[in-house]
PDB file of N, CA and C in Angstrom:
ATOM      1  N   UNK A   1       0.818  -1.197   0.000  1.00  0.00           N
ATOM      2  CA  UNK A   1       0.000   0.000   0.000  1.00  0.00           C
ATOM      3  C   UNK A   1       0.861   1.261   0.000  1.00  0.00           C
ATOM      4  N   UNK A   2       1.976   1.258   0.700  1.00  0.00           N
ATOM      5  CA  UNK A   2       2.853   2.414   0.733  1.00  0.00           C
ATOM      6  C   UNK A   2       3.423   2.736  -0.635  1.00  0.00           C
ATOM      7  N   UNK A   3       3.618   1.732  -1.489  1.00  0.00           N
ATOM      8  CA  UNK A   3       4.169   1.973  -2.814  1.00  0.00           C
ATOM      9  C   UNK A   3       3.160   2.692  -3.707  1.00  0.00           C
ATOM     10  N   UNK A   4       1.872   2.540  -3.466  1.00  0.00           N
ATOM     11  CA  UNK A   4       0.854   3.169  -4.299  1.00  0.00           C
ATOM     12  C   UNK A   4       0.711   4.656  -4.011  1.00  0.00           C
ATOM     13  N   UNK A   5       0.953   5.069  -2.799  1.00  0.00           N
ATOM     14  CA  UNK A   5       0.764   6.474  -2.442  1.00  0.00           C
ATOM     15  C   UNK A   5       1.725   7.387  -3.202  1.00  0.00           C
ATOM     16  N   UNK A   6       3.032   7.105  -3.224  1.00  0.00           N
ATOM     17  CA  UNK A   6       3.908   7.981  -3.999  1.00  0.00           C
ATOM     18  C   UNK A   6       3.564   7.965  -5.494  1.00  0.00           C
ATOM     19  N   UNK A   7       3.173   6.806  -6.011  1.00  0.00           N
ATOM     20  CA  UNK A   7       2.836   6.732  -7.425  1.00  0.00           C
ATOM     21  C   UNK A   7       1.567   7.529  -7.712  1.00  0.00           C
ATOM     22  N   UNK A   8       0.566   7.446  -6.855  1.00  0.00           N
ATOM     23  CA  UNK A   8      -0.666   8.210  -7.036  1.00  0.00           C
ATOM     24  C   UNK A   8      -0.369   9.703  -6.971  1.00  0.00           C
ATOM     25  N   UNK A   9       0.487  10.102  -6.067  1.00  0.00           N
ATOM     26  CA  UNK A   9       0.853  11.518  -5.960  1.00  0.00           C
ATOM     27  C   UNK A   9       1.563  11.974  -7.224  1.00  0.00           C
ATOM     28  N   UNK A  10       2.428  11.151  -7.781  1.00  0.00           N
ATOM     29  CA  UNK A  10       3.134  11.507  -9.008  1.00  0.00           C
ATOM     30  C   UNK A  10       2.168  11.646 -10.173  1.00  0.00           C
ATOM     31  N   UNK A  11       1.185  10.791 -10.259  1.00  0.00           N
ATOM     32  CA  UNK A  11       0.194  10.862 -11.334  1.00  0.00           C
ATOM     33  C   UNK A  11      -0.641  12.127 -11.189  1.00  0.00           C
ATOM     34  N   UNK A  12      -1.098  12.432  -9.978  1.00  0.00           N
ATOM     35  CA  UNK A  12      -1.877  13.650  -9.752  1.00  0.00           C
ATOM     36  C   UNK A  12      -1.066  14.891 -10.080  1.00  0.00           C
ATOM     37  N   UNK A  13       0.195  14.891  -9.717  1.00  0.00           N
ATOM     38  CA  UNK A  13       1.052  16.035  -9.981  1.00  0.00           C
ATOM     39  C   UNK A  13       1.244  16.220 -11.478  1.00  0.00           C
ATOM     40  N   UNK A  14       1.502  15.159 -12.193  1.00  0.00           N
ATOM     41  CA  UNK A  14       1.784  15.246 -13.622  1.00  0.00           C
ATOM     42  C   UNK A  14       0.542  15.522 -14.449  1.00  0.00           C
ATOM     43  N   UNK A  15      -0.604  15.012 -14.036  1.00  0.00           N
ATOM     44  CA  UNK A  15      -1.798  15.095 -14.863  1.00  0.00           C
ATOM     45  C   UNK A  15      -2.745  16.200 -14.437  1.00  0.00           C
ATOM     46  N   UNK A  16      -3.020  16.297 -13.164  1.00  0.00           N
ATOM     47  CA  UNK A  16      -4.134  17.140 -12.744  1.00  0.00           C
ATOM     48  C   UNK A  16      -3.779  18.415 -12.026  1.00  0.00           C
ATOM     49  N   UNK A  17      -2.589  18.913 -12.141  1.00  0.00           N
ATOM     50  CA  UNK A  17      -2.231  20.110 -11.390  1.00  0.00           C
ATOM     51  C   UNK A  17      -2.538  21.362 -12.193  1.00  0.00           C
ATOM     52  N   UNK A  18      -3.613  22.090 -11.838  1.00  0.00           N
ATOM     53  CA  UNK A  18      -3.965  23.295 -12.579  1.00  0.00           C
ATOM     54  C   UNK A  18      -2.947  24.423 -12.408  1.00  0.00           C
ATOM     55  N   UNK A  19      -2.150  24.387 -11.352  1.00  0.00           N
ATOM     56  CA  UNK A  19      -1.182  25.450 -11.133  1.00  0.00           C
ATOM     57  C   UNK A  19      -0.097  25.458 -12.204  1.00  0.00           C
ATOM     58  N   UNK A  20       0.103  24.337 -12.887  1.00  0.00           N
ATOM     59  CA  UNK A  20       1.152  24.266 -13.879  1.00  0.00           C
ATOM     60  C   UNK A  20       0.614  24.316 -15.302  1.00  0.00           C
ATOM     61  N   UNK A  21      -0.691  24.411 -15.463  1.00  0.00           N
ATOM     62  CA  UNK A  21      -1.232  24.518 -16.804  1.00  0.00           C
ATOM     63  C   UNK A  21      -1.241  25.979 -17.206  1.00  0.00           C
ATOM     64  N   UNK A  22      -1.132  26.229 -18.503  1.00  0.00           N
ATOM     65  CA  UNK A  22      -1.130  27.608 -18.978  1.00  0.00           C
ATOM     66  C   UNK A  22      -2.249  27.783 -19.984  1.00  0.00           C
ATOM     67  N   UNK A  23      -3.004  28.849 -19.818  1.00  0.00           N
ATOM     68  CA  UNK A  23      -4.095  29.131 -20.739  1.00  0.00           C
ATOM     69  C   UNK A  23      -3.730  30.331 -21.597  1.00  0.00           C
ATOM     70  N   UNK A  24      -4.549  30.615 -22.578  1.00  0.00           N
ATOM     71  CA  UNK A  24      -4.292  31.737 -23.476  1.00  0.00           C
ATOM     72  C   UNK A  24      -4.381  33.076 -22.760  1.00  0.00           C
ATOM     73  N   UNK A  25      -5.044  33.146 -21.622  1.00  0.00           N
ATOM     74  CA  UNK A  25      -5.197  34.421 -20.933  1.00  0.00           C
ATOM     75  C   UNK A  25      -4.033  34.722 -20.001  1.00  0.00           C
ATOM     76  N   UNK A  26      -3.172  33.758 -19.746  1.00  0.00           N
ATOM     77  CA  UNK A  26      -2.038  34.003 -18.870  1.00  0.00           C
ATOM     78  C   UNK A  26      -0.875  34.542 -19.692  1.00  0.00           C
ATOM     79  N   UNK A  27      -0.231  35.605 -19.199  1.00  0.00           N
ATOM     80  CA  UNK A  27       0.953  36.142 -19.843  1.00  0.00           C
ATOM     81  C   UNK A  27       2.017  36.352 -18.787  1.00  0.00           C
ATOM     82  N   UNK A  28       3.273  36.293 -19.170  1.00  0.00           N
ATOM     83  CA  UNK A  28       4.327  36.540 -18.196  1.00  0.00           C
ATOM     84  C   UNK A  28       4.252  37.966 -17.681  1.00  0.00           C
ATOM     85  N   UNK A  29       4.735  38.199 -16.470  1.00  0.00           N
ATOM     86  CA  UNK A  29       4.686  39.540 -15.914  1.00  0.00           C
ATOM     87  C   UNK A  29       5.929  40.343 -16.238  1.00  0.00           C
ATOM     88  N   UNK A  30       6.993  39.716 -16.727  1.00  0.00           N
ATOM     89  CA  UNK A  30       8.133  40.505 -17.183  1.00  0.00           C
ATOM     90  C   UNK A  30       8.898  39.733 -18.242  1.00  0.00           C
ATOM     91  N   UNK A  31       9.464  40.465 -19.169  1.00  0.00           N
ATOM     92  CA  UNK A  31      10.216  39.862 -20.254  1.00  0.00           C
ATOM     93  C   UNK A  31      11.705  39.953 -20.002  1.00  0.00           C
ATOM     94  N   UNK A  32      12.152  41.094 -19.576  1.00  0.00           N
ATOM     95  CA  UNK A  32      13.548  41.311 -19.261  1.00  0.00           C
ATOM     96  C   UNK A  32      13.626  42.461 -18.272  1.00  0.00           C
ATOM     97  N   UNK A  33      14.751  42.634 -17.607  1.00  0.00           N
ATOM     98  CA  UNK A  33      14.843  43.722 -16.635  1.00  0.00           C
ATOM     99  C   UNK A  33      14.507  45.064 -17.275  1.00  0.00           C
ATOM    100  N   UNK A  34      13.651  45.834 -16.611  1.00  0.00           N
ATOM    101  CA  UNK A  34      13.272  47.149 -17.096  1.00  0.00           C
ATOM    102  C   UNK A  34      12.108  47.158 -18.067  1.00  0.00           C
ATOM    103  N   UNK A  35      11.612  45.998 -18.465  1.00  0.00           N
ATOM    104  CA  UNK A  35      10.477  45.922 -19.383  1.00  0.00           C
ATOM    105  C   UNK A  35       9.371  45.148 -18.709  1.00  0.00           C
ATOM    106  N   UNK A  36       8.199  45.738 -18.636  1.00  0.00           N
ATOM    107  CA  UNK A  36       7.072  45.064 -18.014  1.00  0.00           C
ATOM    108  C   UNK A  36       6.053  44.690 -19.067  1.00  0.00           C
ATOM    109  N   UNK A  37       5.508  43.499 -18.971  1.00  0.00           N
ATOM    110  CA  UNK A  37       4.423  43.076 -19.849  1.00  0.00           C
ATOM    111  C   UNK A  37       3.136  43.178 -19.062  1.00  0.00           C
ATOM    112  N   UNK A  38       2.153  43.793 -19.652  1.00  0.00           N
ATOM    113  CA  UNK A  38       0.892  43.994 -18.962  1.00  0.00           C
ATOM    114  C   UNK A  38       0.042  42.744 -19.119  1.00  0.00           C
ATOM    115  N   UNK A  39      -0.425  42.157 -18.011  1.00  0.00           N
ATOM    116  CA  UNK A  39      -1.240  40.960 -18.052  1.00  0.00           C
ATOM    117  C   UNK A  39      -2.701  41.261 -17.826  1.00  0.00           C
ATOM    118  N   UNK A  40      -3.188  42.348 -18.378  1.00  0.00           N
ATOM    119  CA  UNK A  40      -4.568  42.768 -18.184  1.00  0.00           C
ATOM    120  C   UNK A  40      -5.272  42.734 -19.536  1.00  0.00           C
ATOM    121  N   UNK A  41      -6.476  42.160 -19.624  1.00  0.00           N
ATOM    122  CA  UNK A  41      -7.184  42.164 -20.899  1.00  0.00           C
ATOM    123  C   UNK A  41      -7.304  43.583 -21.449  1.00  0.00           C
ATOM    124  N   UNK A  42      -7.041  43.741 -22.729  1.00  0.00           N
ATOM    125  CA  UNK A  42      -7.100  45.048 -23.363  1.00  0.00           C
ATOM    126  C   UNK A  42      -5.758  45.745 -23.443  1.00  0.00           C
ATOM    127  N   UNK A  43      -4.770  45.248 -22.725  1.00  0.00           N
ATOM    128  CA  UNK A  43      -3.437  45.831 -22.785  1.00  0.00           C
ATOM    129  C   UNK A  43      -2.616  45.096 -23.830  1.00  0.00           C
ATOM    130  N   UNK A  44      -1.624  45.762 -24.344  1.00  0.00           N
ATOM    131  CA  UNK A  44      -0.771  45.162 -25.356  1.00  0.00           C
ATOM    132  C   UNK A  44       0.363  44.396 -24.689  1.00  0.00           C
ATOM    133  N   UNK A  45       0.583  43.178 -25.137  1.00  0.00           N
ATOM    134  CA  UNK A  45       1.640  42.347 -24.577  1.00  0.00           C
ATOM    135  C   UNK A  45       2.985  43.040 -24.788  1.00  0.00           C
ATOM    136  N   UNK A  46       3.762  43.134 -23.730  1.00  0.00           N
ATOM    137  CA  UNK A  46       5.083  43.729 -23.811  1.00  0.00           C
ATOM    138  C   UNK A  46       5.079  45.246 -23.739  1.00  0.00           C
ATOM    139  N   UNK A  47       3.922  45.839 -23.483  1.00  0.00           N
ATOM    140  CA  UNK A  47       3.829  47.291 -23.414  1.00  0.00           C
ATOM    141  C   UNK A  47       4.687  47.809 -22.261  1.00  0.00           C
ATOM    142  N   UNK A  48       5.480  48.819 -22.521  1.00  0.00           N
ATOM    143  CA  UNK A  48       6.356  49.402 -21.504  1.00  0.00           C
ATOM    144  C   UNK A  48       5.544  50.346 -20.619  1.00  0.00           C
ATOM    145  N   UNK A  49       5.563  50.093 -19.335  1.00  0.00           N
ATOM    146  CA  UNK A  49       4.874  50.937 -18.366  1.00  0.00           C
ATOM    147  C   UNK A  49       5.941  51.728 -17.616  1.00  0.00           C
ATOM    148  N   UNK A  50       5.761  53.034 -17.527  1.00  0.00           N
ATOM    149  CA  UNK A  50       6.773  53.860 -16.880  1.00  0.00           C
ATOM    150  C   UNK A  50       6.794  53.635 -15.371  1.00  0.00           C
ATOM    151  N   UNK A  51       7.691  54.334 -14.704  1.00  0.00           N
ATOM    152  CA  UNK A  51       7.891  54.076 -13.267  1.00  0.00           C
ATOM    153  C   UNK A  51       7.244  55.127 -12.376  1.00  0.00           C
ATOM    154  N   UNK A  52       6.289  55.918 -12.883  1.00  0.00           N
ATOM    155  CA  UNK A  52       5.631  56.874 -11.999  1.00  0.00           C
ATOM    156  C   UNK A  52       4.813  56.125 -10.947  1.00  0.00           C
ATOM    157  N   UNK A  53       4.664  56.759  -9.797  1.00  0.00           N
ATOM    158  CA  UNK A  53       3.923  56.144  -8.703  1.00  0.00           C
ATOM    159  C   UNK A  53       2.619  56.898  -8.471  1.00  0.00           C
ATOM    160  N   UNK A  54       1.759  56.333  -7.653  1.00  0.00           N
ATOM    161  CA  UNK A  54       0.513  56.998  -7.289  1.00  0.00           C
ATOM    162  C   UNK A  54       0.808  58.304  -6.554  1.00  0.00           C
ATOM    163  N   UNK A  55       1.865  58.327  -5.754  1.00  0.00           N
ATOM    164  CA  UNK A  55       2.247  59.568  -5.065  1.00  0.00           C
ATOM    165  C   UNK A  55       2.649  60.646  -6.071  1.00  0.00           C
ATOM    166  N   UNK A  56       3.394  60.246  -7.115  1.00  0.00           N
ATOM    167  CA  UNK A  56       3.764  61.200  -8.168  1.00  0.00           C
ATOM    168  C   UNK A  56       2.508  61.781  -8.809  1.00  0.00           C
ATOM    169  N   UNK A  57       1.574  60.904  -9.167  1.00  0.00           N
ATOM    170  CA  UNK A  57       0.342  61.341  -9.830  1.00  0.00           C
ATOM    171  C   UNK A  57      -0.461  62.273  -8.924  1.00  0.00           C
ATOM    172  N   UNK A  58      -0.554  61.954  -7.632  1.00  0.00           N
ATOM    173  CA  UNK A  58      -1.292  62.805  -6.700  1.00  0.00           C
ATOM    174  C   UNK A  58      -0.644  64.188  -6.596  1.00  0.00           C
ATOM    175  N   UNK A  59       0.685  64.231  -6.597  1.00  0.00           N
ATOM    176  CA  UNK A  59       1.389  65.524  -6.536  1.00  0.00           C
ATOM    177  C   UNK A  59       1.110  66.347  -7.795  1.00  0.00           C
ATOM    178  N   UNK A  60       1.091  65.693  -8.964  1.00  0.00           N
ATOM    179  CA  UNK A  60       0.765  66.394 -10.214  1.00  0.00           C
ATOM    180  C   UNK A  60      -0.642  66.984 -10.127  1.00  0.00           C
ATOM    181  N   UNK A  61      -1.595  66.200  -9.631  1.00  0.00           N
ATOM    182  CA  UNK A  61      -2.979  66.661  -9.532  1.00  0.00           C
ATOM    183  C   UNK A  61      -3.096  67.830  -8.557  1.00  0.00           C
ATOM    184  N   UNK A  62      -2.417  67.730  -7.420  1.00  0.00           N
ATOM    185  CA  UNK A  62      -2.464  68.801  -6.434  1.00  0.00           C
ATOM    186  C   UNK A  62      -1.836  70.084  -6.980  1.00  0.00           C
ATOM    187  N   UNK A  63      -0.771  69.951  -7.747  1.00  0.00           N
ATOM    188  CA  UNK A  63      -0.131  71.122  -8.355  1.00  0.00           C
ATOM    189  C   UNK A  63      -1.058  71.777  -9.382  1.00  0.00           C
ATOM    190  N   UNK A  64      -1.981  71.000  -9.958  1.00  0.00           N
ATOM    191  CA  UNK A  64      -2.937  71.531 -10.933  1.00  0.00           C
ATOM    192  C   UNK A  64      -4.199  72.069 -10.267  1.00  0.00           C
ATOM    193  N   UNK A  65      -4.257  72.064  -8.932  1.00  0.00           N
ATOM    194  CA  UNK A  65      -5.394  72.648  -8.222  1.00  0.00           C
ATOM    195  C   UNK A  65      -6.417  71.658  -7.709  1.00  0.00           C
ATOM    196  N   UNK A  66      -6.182  70.371  -7.860  1.00  0.00           N
ATOM    197  CA  UNK A  66      -7.110  69.348  -7.366  1.00  0.00           C
ATOM    198  C   UNK A  66      -6.774  69.027  -5.916  1.00  0.00           C
ATOM    199  N   UNK A  67      -7.791  68.665  -5.153  1.00  0.00           N
ATOM    200  CA  UNK A  67      -7.603  68.269  -3.757  1.00  0.00           C
ATOM    201  C   UNK A  67      -8.238  66.898  -3.547  1.00  0.00           C
ATOM    202  N   UNK A  68      -7.969  66.318  -2.398  1.00  0.00           N
ATOM    203  CA  UNK A  68      -8.556  65.023  -2.007  1.00  0.00           C
ATOM    204  C   UNK A  68      -8.440  63.983  -3.121  1.00  0.00           C
ATOM    205  N   UNK A  69      -7.246  63.807  -3.639  1.00  0.00           N
ATOM    206  CA  UNK A  69      -7.006  62.853  -4.719  1.00  0.00           C
ATOM    207  C   UNK A  69      -7.022  61.442  -4.134  1.00  0.00           C
ATOM    208  N   UNK A  70      -7.907  60.580  -4.651  1.00  0.00           N
ATOM    209  CA  UNK A  70      -8.053  59.216  -4.129  1.00  0.00           C
ATOM    210  C   UNK A  70      -8.237  58.219  -5.273  1.00  0.00           C
ATOM    211  N   UNK A  71      -8.114  56.947  -4.928  1.00  0.00           N
ATOM    212  CA  UNK A  71      -8.437  55.854  -5.848  1.00  0.00           C
ATOM    213  C   UNK A  71      -7.553  55.765  -7.071  1.00  0.00           C
ATOM    214  N   UNK A  72      -6.327  56.255  -7.006  1.00  0.00           N
ATOM    215  CA  UNK A  72      -5.465  56.240  -8.186  1.00  0.00           C
ATOM    216  C   UNK A  72      -5.050  54.823  -8.546  1.00  0.00           C
ATOM    217  N   UNK A  73      -5.275  54.487  -9.816  1.00  0.00           N
ATOM    218  CA  UNK A  73      -4.880  53.175 -10.335  1.00  0.00           C
ATOM    219  C   UNK A  73      -4.233  53.371 -11.692  1.00  0.00           C
ATOM    220  N   UNK A  74      -3.150  52.653 -11.908  1.00  0.00           N
ATOM    221  CA  UNK A  74      -2.443  52.719 -13.189  1.00  0.00           C
ATOM    222  C   UNK A  74      -3.175  51.836 -14.176  1.00  0.00           C
ATOM    223  N   UNK A  75      -3.446  52.358 -15.337  1.00  0.00           N
ATOM    224  CA  UNK A  75      -4.141  51.601 -16.368  1.00  0.00           C
ATOM    225  C   UNK A  75      -3.145  51.220 -17.461  1.00  0.00           C
ATOM    226  N   UNK A  76      -3.554  50.313 -18.324  1.00  0.00           N
ATOM    227  CA  UNK A  76      -2.639  49.892 -19.376  1.00  0.00           C
ATOM    228  C   UNK A  76      -2.446  50.972 -20.434  1.00  0.00           C
ATOM    229  N   UNK A  77      -3.138  52.098 -20.311  1.00  0.00           N
ATOM    230  CA  UNK A  77      -2.848  53.230 -21.192  1.00  0.00           C
ATOM    231  C   UNK A  77      -1.678  54.054 -20.645  1.00  0.00           C
ATOM    232  N   UNK A  78      -1.045  53.572 -19.570  1.00  0.00           N
ATOM    233  CA  UNK A  78       0.117  54.168 -18.922  1.00  0.00           C
ATOM    234  C   UNK A  78      -0.241  55.463 -18.188  1.00  0.00           C
ATOM    235  N   UNK A  79      -1.510  55.692 -17.934  1.00  0.00           N
ATOM    236  CA  UNK A  79      -1.974  56.871 -17.199  1.00  0.00           C
ATOM    237  C   UNK A  79      -2.592  56.433 -15.878  1.00  0.00           C
ATOM    238  N   UNK A  80      -2.604  57.360 -14.938  1.00  0.00           N
ATOM    239  CA  UNK A  80      -3.243  57.137 -13.646  1.00  0.00           C
ATOM    240  C   UNK A  80      -4.677  57.643 -13.725  1.00  0.00           C
ATOM    241  N   UNK A  81      -5.612  56.895 -13.167  1.00  0.00           N
ATOM    242  CA  UNK A  81      -7.024  57.266 -13.150  1.00  0.00           C
ATOM    243  C   UNK A  81      -7.496  57.241 -11.698  1.00  0.00           C
ATOM    244  N   UNK A  82      -8.280  58.252 -11.316  1.00  0.00           N
ATOM    245  CA  UNK A  82      -8.783  58.298  -9.951  1.00  0.00           C
ATOM    246  C   UNK A  82      -9.834  59.380  -9.794  1.00  0.00           C
ATOM    247  N   UNK A  83     -10.092  59.728  -8.543  1.00  0.00           N
ATOM    248  CA  UNK A  83     -11.081  60.747  -8.214  1.00  0.00           C
ATOM    249  C   UNK A  83     -10.383  61.863  -7.446  1.00  0.00           C
ATOM    250  N   UNK A  84     -10.965  63.073  -7.567  1.00  0.00           N
ATOM    251  CA  UNK A  84     -10.433  64.222  -6.844  1.00  0.00           C
ATOM    252  C   UNK A  84     -11.541  65.255  -6.689  1.00  0.00           C
ATOM    253  N   UNK A  85     -11.218  66.308  -5.986  1.00  0.00           N
ATOM    254  CA  UNK A  85     -12.140  67.438  -5.827  1.00  0.00           C
ATOM    255  C   UNK A  85     -11.537  68.632  -6.559  1.00  0.00           C
ATOM    256  N   UNK A  86     -12.388  69.360  -7.284  1.00  0.00           N
ATOM    257  CA  UNK A  86     -11.970  70.587  -7.946  1.00  0.00           C
ATOM    258  C   UNK A  86     -13.033  71.640  -7.688  1.00  0.00           C
ATOM    259  N   UNK A  87     -12.645  72.717  -7.023  1.00  0.00           N
ATOM    260  CA  UNK A  87     -13.581  73.794  -6.653  1.00  0.00           C
ATOM    261  C   UNK A  87     -14.786  73.246  -5.885  1.00  0.00           C
ATOM    262  N   UNK A  88     -14.542  72.258  -5.010  1.00  0.00           N
ATOM    263  CA  UNK A  88     -15.594  71.696  -4.164  1.00  0.00           C
ATOM    264  C   UNK A  88     -16.466  70.646  -4.823  1.00  0.00           C
ATOM    265  N   UNK A  89     -16.201  70.332  -6.083  1.00  0.00           N
ATOM    266  CA  UNK A  89     -17.006  69.320  -6.794  1.00  0.00           C
ATOM    267  C   UNK A  89     -16.165  68.075  -7.070  1.00  0.00           C
ATOM    268  N   UNK A  90     -16.756  66.882  -6.885  1.00  0.00           N
ATOM    269  CA  UNK A  90     -16.024  65.655  -7.186  1.00  0.00           C
ATOM    270  C   UNK A  90     -15.894  65.461  -8.702  1.00  0.00           C
ATOM    271  N   UNK A  91     -14.696  65.046  -9.124  1.00  0.00           N
ATOM    272  CA  UNK A  91     -14.442  64.797 -10.545  1.00  0.00           C
ATOM    273  C   UNK A  91     -13.588  63.540 -10.693  1.00  0.00           C
ATOM    274  N   UNK A  92     -13.680  62.921 -11.853  1.00  0.00           N
ATOM    275  CA  UNK A  92     -12.778  61.833 -12.215  1.00  0.00           C
ATOM    276  C   UNK A  92     -11.620  62.448 -12.979  1.00  0.00           C
ATOM    277  N   UNK A  93     -10.419  61.978 -12.695  1.00  0.00           N
ATOM    278  CA  UNK A  93      -9.240  62.541 -13.346  1.00  0.00           C
ATOM    279  C   UNK A  93      -8.376  61.457 -13.969  1.00  0.00           C
ATOM    280  N   UNK A  94      -7.649  61.874 -15.006  1.00  0.00           N
ATOM    281  CA  UNK A  94      -6.612  61.056 -15.614  1.00  0.00           C
ATOM    282  C   UNK A  94      -5.335  61.875 -15.529  1.00  0.00           C
ATOM    283  N   UNK A  95      -4.264  61.239 -15.077  1.00  0.00           N
ATOM    284  CA  UNK A  95      -2.995  61.935 -14.915  1.00  0.00           C
ATOM    285  C   UNK A  95      -1.953  61.214 -15.745  1.00  0.00           C
ATOM    286  N   UNK A  96      -1.345  61.939 -16.677  1.00  0.00           N
ATOM    287  CA  UNK A  96      -0.347  61.345 -17.569  1.00  0.00           C
ATOM    288  C   UNK A  96       0.994  61.260 -16.852  1.00  0.00           C
ATOM    289  N   UNK A  97       1.905  60.407 -17.336  1.00  0.00           N
ATOM    290  CA  UNK A  97       3.212  60.291 -16.688  1.00  0.00           C
ATOM    291  C   UNK A  97       4.006  61.596 -16.679  1.00  0.00           C
ATOM    292  N   UNK A  98       3.733  62.497 -17.625  1.00  0.00           N
ATOM    293  CA  UNK A  98       4.464  63.766 -17.645  1.00  0.00           C
ATOM    294  C   UNK A  98       3.778  64.847 -16.809  1.00  0.00           C
ATOM    295  N   UNK A  99       2.678  64.512 -16.115  1.00  0.00           N
ATOM    296  CA  UNK A  99       2.061  65.423 -15.169  1.00  0.00           C
ATOM    297  C   UNK A  99       0.837  66.173 -15.658  1.00  0.00           C
ATOM    298  N   UNK A 100       0.389  65.909 -16.858  1.00  0.00           N
ATOM    299  CA  UNK A 100      -0.819  66.575 -17.355  1.00  0.00           C
ATOM    300  C   UNK A 100      -2.034  65.954 -16.689  1.00  0.00           C
ATOM    301  N   UNK A 101      -2.960  66.783 -16.196  1.00  0.00           N
ATOM    302  CA  UNK A 101      -4.165  66.309 -15.517  1.00  0.00           C
ATOM    303  C   UNK A 101      -5.372  66.647 -16.366  1.00  0.00           C
ATOM    304  N   UNK A 102      -6.193  65.653 -16.647  1.00  0.00           N
ATOM    305  CA  UNK A 102      -7.365  65.818 -17.507  1.00  0.00           C
ATOM    306  C   UNK A 102      -8.588  65.286 -16.770  1.00  0.00           C
ATOM    307  N   UNK A 103      -9.677  66.070 -16.786  1.00  0.00           N
ATOM    308  CA  UNK A 103     -10.922  65.575 -16.206  1.00  0.00           C
ATOM    309  C   UNK A 103     -11.539  64.557 -17.152  1.00  0.00           C
ATOM    310  N   UNK A 104     -12.062  63.463 -16.575  1.00  0.00           N
ATOM    311  CA  UNK A 104     -12.729  62.435 -17.372  1.00  0.00           C
ATOM    312  C   UNK A 104     -14.219  62.504 -17.130  1.00  0.00           C
ATOM    313  N   UNK A 105     -14.981  62.181 -18.154  1.00  0.00           N
ATOM    314  CA  UNK A 105     -16.439  62.181 -18.015  1.00  0.00           C
ATOM    315  C   UNK A 105     -16.975  63.598 -18.029  1.00  0.00           C
ATOM    316  N   UNK A 106     -18.265  63.716 -17.637  1.00  0.00           N
ATOM    317  CA  UNK A 106     -18.845  65.061 -17.642  1.00  0.00           C
ATOM    318  C   UNK A 106     -19.323  65.469 -16.278  1.00  0.00           C
TER     319      UNK A 106
END
């Protein structure tokens, strides 16, 4: 009986392990040092994402007159998207890596 357990484990590992299977939706997270591949649907494989941070984006928005900058997330368009206040009204913002701030929506 002891001989069957290691063999059964080997069969399960080789045949039924979903952790080692790869599907069309899985992409590597990096190709080489300094190059990031985006693994998000709608992003281009191997797209270079810059190194700006959410803190950088918030500082750009604050310098443009926005306050209470929250919810910043980097999108595969290489821009930061989030919410902020402008003149007391809530707005959605997009912040480019070079610091340009654009209101989104109406």
